[in-house]
Amino acid sequence: MPDILLINDNLLPWVMLIVASLGIFIWRFLGLVLSKKIDKDSLLAKWINAVAFAMTTGLMIRIIIFPSGALADTQLIERIIPFLIGVLTFLFFSQKPIIGLLVGVLAFSSTVIYNQNF
């Protein structure tokens, strides 16, 4: 029986990337094929949309309130204020959501640099 772990250590990250990509793209392809048969205003579609938004919101709040890694070295106020600035910018420029993201990242970077140097 061949051992899967005998793959060259240099190739293992690439194999993992390909397997993960296939897992993602299979579901995206099925979504594309089946999307024509699903009514976007149906109760099921609205429920799926609500669950997706809830998961995204929960993940964002978890990252802000309980950060890990380098983000854990920042203060809570350094994470909350730029987040709120980014959300308000996002709401103000609803036609271009990338602006809210960029302003939020710029605000976070500015607060961290300011607090490290002053």
C-alpha atoms as a PDB file:
ATOM      1  CA  MET A   1       0.000   0.000   0.000  1.00  0.00           C
ATOM      2  CA  PRO A   2       1.617   3.287  -1.072  1.00  0.00           C
ATOM      3  CA  ASP A   3       2.099   5.878   1.603  1.00  0.00           C
ATOM      4  CA  ILE A   4       0.690   9.288   0.638  1.00  0.00           C
ATOM      5  CA  LEU A   5       3.168  11.027   2.936  1.00  0.00           C
ATOM      6  CA  LEU A   6       6.085   9.859   0.768  1.00  0.00           C
ATOM      7  CA  ILE A   7       5.472  12.802  -1.571  1.00  0.00           C
ATOM      8  CA  ASN A   8       8.511  15.015  -1.902  1.00  0.00           C
ATOM      9  CA  ASP A   9       8.461  17.718   0.820  1.00  0.00           C
ATOM     10  CA  ASN A  10       8.827  20.397  -1.863  1.00  0.00           C
ATOM     11  CA  LEU A  11       5.762  19.135  -3.723  1.00  0.00           C
ATOM     12  CA  LEU A  12       3.499  18.614  -0.715  1.00  0.00           C
ATOM     13  CA  PRO A  13       2.331  22.284  -0.476  1.00  0.00           C
ATOM     14  CA  TRP A  14       1.502  22.259  -4.190  1.00  0.00           C
ATOM     15  CA  VAL A  15      -0.439  19.001  -3.890  1.00  0.00           C
ATOM     16  CA  MET A  16      -2.366  20.420  -0.928  1.00  0.00           C
ATOM     17  CA  LEU A  17      -3.103  23.619  -2.882  1.00  0.00           C
ATOM     18  CA  ILE A  18      -4.418  21.658  -5.860  1.00  0.00           C
ATOM     19  CA  VAL A  19      -6.610  19.427  -3.674  1.00  0.00           C
ATOM     20  CA  ALA A  20      -8.004  22.440  -1.784  1.00  0.00           C
ATOM     21  CA  SER A  21      -8.623  24.296  -5.052  1.00  0.00           C
ATOM     22  CA  LEU A  22     -10.492  21.343  -6.500  1.00  0.00           C
ATOM     23  CA  GLY A  23     -12.649  21.188  -3.387  1.00  0.00           C
ATOM     24  CA  ILE A  24     -13.536  24.845  -3.763  1.00  0.00           C
ATOM     25  CA  PHE A  25     -14.001  24.919  -7.524  1.00  0.00           C
ATOM     26  CA  ILE A  26     -16.209  21.817  -7.614  1.00  0.00           C
ATOM     27  CA  TRP A  27     -18.749  23.550  -5.379  1.00  0.00           C
ATOM     28  CA  ARG A  28     -18.466  26.785  -7.333  1.00  0.00           C
ATOM     29  CA  PHE A  29     -19.050  24.911 -10.591  1.00  0.00           C
ATOM     30  CA  LEU A  30     -22.081  23.125  -9.122  1.00  0.00           C
ATOM     31  CA  GLY A  31     -23.388  26.475  -7.898  1.00  0.00           C
ATOM     32  CA  LEU A  32     -23.007  27.921 -11.369  1.00  0.00           C
ATOM     33  CA  VAL A  33     -24.787  24.988 -13.013  1.00  0.00           C
ATOM     34  CA  LEU A  34     -27.598  24.782 -10.449  1.00  0.00           C
ATOM     35  CA  SER A  35     -28.105  28.530 -10.004  1.00  0.00           C
ATOM     36  CA  LYS A  36     -30.378  28.719 -13.036  1.00  0.00           C
ATOM     37  CA  LYS A  37     -32.796  26.318 -11.334  1.00  0.00           C
ATOM     38  CA  ILE A  38     -32.957  28.192  -8.004  1.00  0.00           C
ATOM     39  CA  ASP A  39     -35.269  31.153  -7.543  1.00  0.00           C
ATOM     40  CA  LYS A  40     -33.226  33.899  -5.886  1.00  0.00           C
ATOM     41  CA  ASP A  41     -36.321  35.215  -4.099  1.00  0.00           C
ATOM     42  CA  SER A  42     -37.259  31.839  -2.624  1.00  0.00           C
ATOM     43  CA  LEU A  43     -37.279  31.216   1.101  1.00  0.00           C
ATOM     44  CA  LEU A  44     -34.348  28.784   0.796  1.00  0.00           C
ATOM     45  CA  ALA A  45     -32.181  31.305  -1.083  1.00  0.00           C
ATOM     46  CA  LYS A  46     -32.971  34.021   1.461  1.00  0.00           C
ATOM     47  CA  TRP A  47     -32.109  31.657   4.314  1.00  0.00           C
ATOM     48  CA  ILE A  48     -28.776  30.693   2.705  1.00  0.00           C
ATOM     49  CA  ASN A  49     -27.982  34.374   2.177  1.00  0.00           C
ATOM     50  CA  ALA A  50     -28.812  35.165   5.807  1.00  0.00           C
ATOM     51  CA  VAL A  51     -26.633  32.301   7.073  1.00  0.00           C
ATOM     52  CA  ALA A  52     -23.727  33.448   4.886  1.00  0.00           C
ATOM     53  CA  PHE A  53     -23.995  37.011   6.198  1.00  0.00           C
ATOM     54  CA  ALA A  54     -24.263  35.765   9.784  1.00  0.00           C
ATOM     55  CA  MET A  55     -21.154  33.607   9.422  1.00  0.00           C
ATOM     56  CA  THR A  56     -19.182  36.452   7.860  1.00  0.00           C
ATOM     57  CA  THR A  57     -20.285  38.882  10.563  1.00  0.00           C
ATOM     58  CA  GLY A  58     -19.475  36.401  13.314  1.00  0.00           C
ATOM     59  CA  LEU A  59     -16.021  35.808  11.874  1.00  0.00           C
ATOM     60  CA  MET A  60     -15.342  39.542  11.640  1.00  0.00           C
ATOM     61  CA  ILE A  61     -16.422  40.114  15.243  1.00  0.00           C
ATOM     62  CA  ARG A  62     -14.327  37.155  16.420  1.00  0.00           C
ATOM     63  CA  ILE A  63     -11.264  38.531  14.642  1.00  0.00           C
ATOM     64  CA  ILE A  64     -11.786  41.978  16.160  1.00  0.00           C
ATOM     65  CA  ILE A  65     -12.651  40.920  19.716  1.00  0.00           C
ATOM     66  CA  PHE A  66     -10.520  37.750  20.050  1.00  0.00           C
ATOM     67  CA  PRO A  67      -7.593  38.201  17.634  1.00  0.00           C
ATOM     68  CA  SER A  68      -4.722  35.796  17.198  1.00  0.00           C
ATOM     69  CA  GLY A  69      -1.217  36.145  15.837  1.00  0.00           C
ATOM     70  CA  ALA A  70       0.183  39.605  15.167  1.00  0.00           C
ATOM     71  CA  LEU A  71      -3.263  41.173  15.498  1.00  0.00           C
ATOM     72  CA  ALA A  72      -3.346  40.099  19.159  1.00  0.00           C
ATOM     73  CA  ASP A  73      -0.484  42.533  19.821  1.00  0.00           C
ATOM     74  CA  THR A  74      -2.745  45.498  19.037  1.00  0.00           C
ATOM     75  CA  GLN A  75      -5.157  47.110  21.462  1.00  0.00           C
ATOM     76  CA  LEU A  76      -8.906  46.570  21.168  1.00  0.00           C
ATOM     77  CA  ILE A  77      -9.527  50.251  20.445  1.00  0.00           C
ATOM     78  CA  GLU A  78      -6.981  50.064  17.592  1.00  0.00           C
ATOM     79  CA  ARG A  79      -9.163  47.405  15.986  1.00  0.00           C
ATOM     80  CA  ILE A  80     -12.660  48.711  16.719  1.00  0.00           C
ATOM     81  CA  ILE A  81     -12.285  52.324  15.556  1.00  0.00           C
ATOM     82  CA  PRO A  82     -10.804  51.497  12.109  1.00  0.00           C
ATOM     83  CA  PHE A  83     -13.455  48.787  11.691  1.00  0.00           C
ATOM     84  CA  LEU A  84     -16.232  51.299  12.350  1.00  0.00           C
ATOM     85  CA  ILE A  85     -14.592  53.831  10.019  1.00  0.00           C
ATOM     86  CA  GLY A  86     -14.426  51.169   7.301  1.00  0.00           C
ATOM     87  CA  VAL A  87     -18.063  50.148   7.817  1.00  0.00           C
ATOM     88  CA  LEU A  88     -19.279  53.764   7.701  1.00  0.00           C
ATOM     89  CA  THR A  89     -17.253  54.378   4.551  1.00  0.00           C
ATOM     90  CA  PHE A  90     -18.670  51.185   3.071  1.00  0.00           C
ATOM     91  CA  LEU A  91     -22.211  52.366   3.817  1.00  0.00           C
ATOM     92  CA  PHE A  92     -21.525  55.833   2.422  1.00  0.00           C
ATOM     93  CA  PHE A  93     -19.970  54.525  -0.826  1.00  0.00           C
ATOM     94  CA  SER A  94     -22.289  51.558  -1.336  1.00  0.00           C
ATOM     95  CA  GLN A  95     -21.648  51.485  -5.089  1.00  0.00           C
ATOM     96  CA  LYS A  96     -17.913  50.841  -4.556  1.00  0.00           C
ATOM     97  CA  PRO A  97     -17.357  48.537  -1.571  1.00  0.00           C
ATOM     98  CA  ILE A  98     -13.596  48.383  -2.171  1.00  0.00           C
ATOM     99  CA  ILE A  99     -13.376  51.978  -0.917  1.00  0.00           C
ATOM    100  CA  GLY A 100     -14.677  50.921   2.507  1.00  0.00           C
ATOM    101  CA  LEU A 101     -12.117  48.141   2.660  1.00  0.00           C
ATOM    102  CA  LEU A 102      -9.240  50.409   1.667  1.00  0.00           C
ATOM    103  CA  VAL A 103     -10.251  53.152   4.098  1.00  0.00           C
ATOM    104  CA  GLY A 104     -10.574  50.595   6.918  1.00  0.00           C
ATOM    105  CA  VAL A 105      -7.137  49.137   6.189  1.00  0.00           C
ATOM    106  CA  LEU A 106      -5.637  52.634   5.962  1.00  0.00           C
ATOM    107  CA  ALA A 107      -7.290  53.646   9.246  1.00  0.00           C
ATOM    108  CA  PHE A 108      -6.028  50.496  10.997  1.00  0.00           C
ATOM    109  CA  SER A 109      -2.502  50.961   9.633  1.00  0.00           C
ATOM    110  CA  SER A 110      -2.506  54.600  10.679  1.00  0.00           C
ATOM    111  CA  THR A 111      -3.617  53.875  14.238  1.00  0.00           C
ATOM    112  CA  VAL A 112      -1.050  51.116  14.700  1.00  0.00           C
ATOM    113  CA  ILE A 113       1.804  53.231  13.286  1.00  0.00           C
ATOM    114  CA  TYR A 114       0.722  56.228  15.367  1.00  0.00           C
ATOM    115  CA  ASN A 115       0.533  54.217  18.600  1.00  0.00           C
ATOM    116  CA  GLN A 116       3.931  52.580  17.971  1.00  0.00           C
ATOM    117  CA  ASN A 117       5.737  55.832  17.270  1.00  0.00           C
ATOM    118  CA  PHE A 118       4.048  58.355  19.560  1.00  0.00           C
END
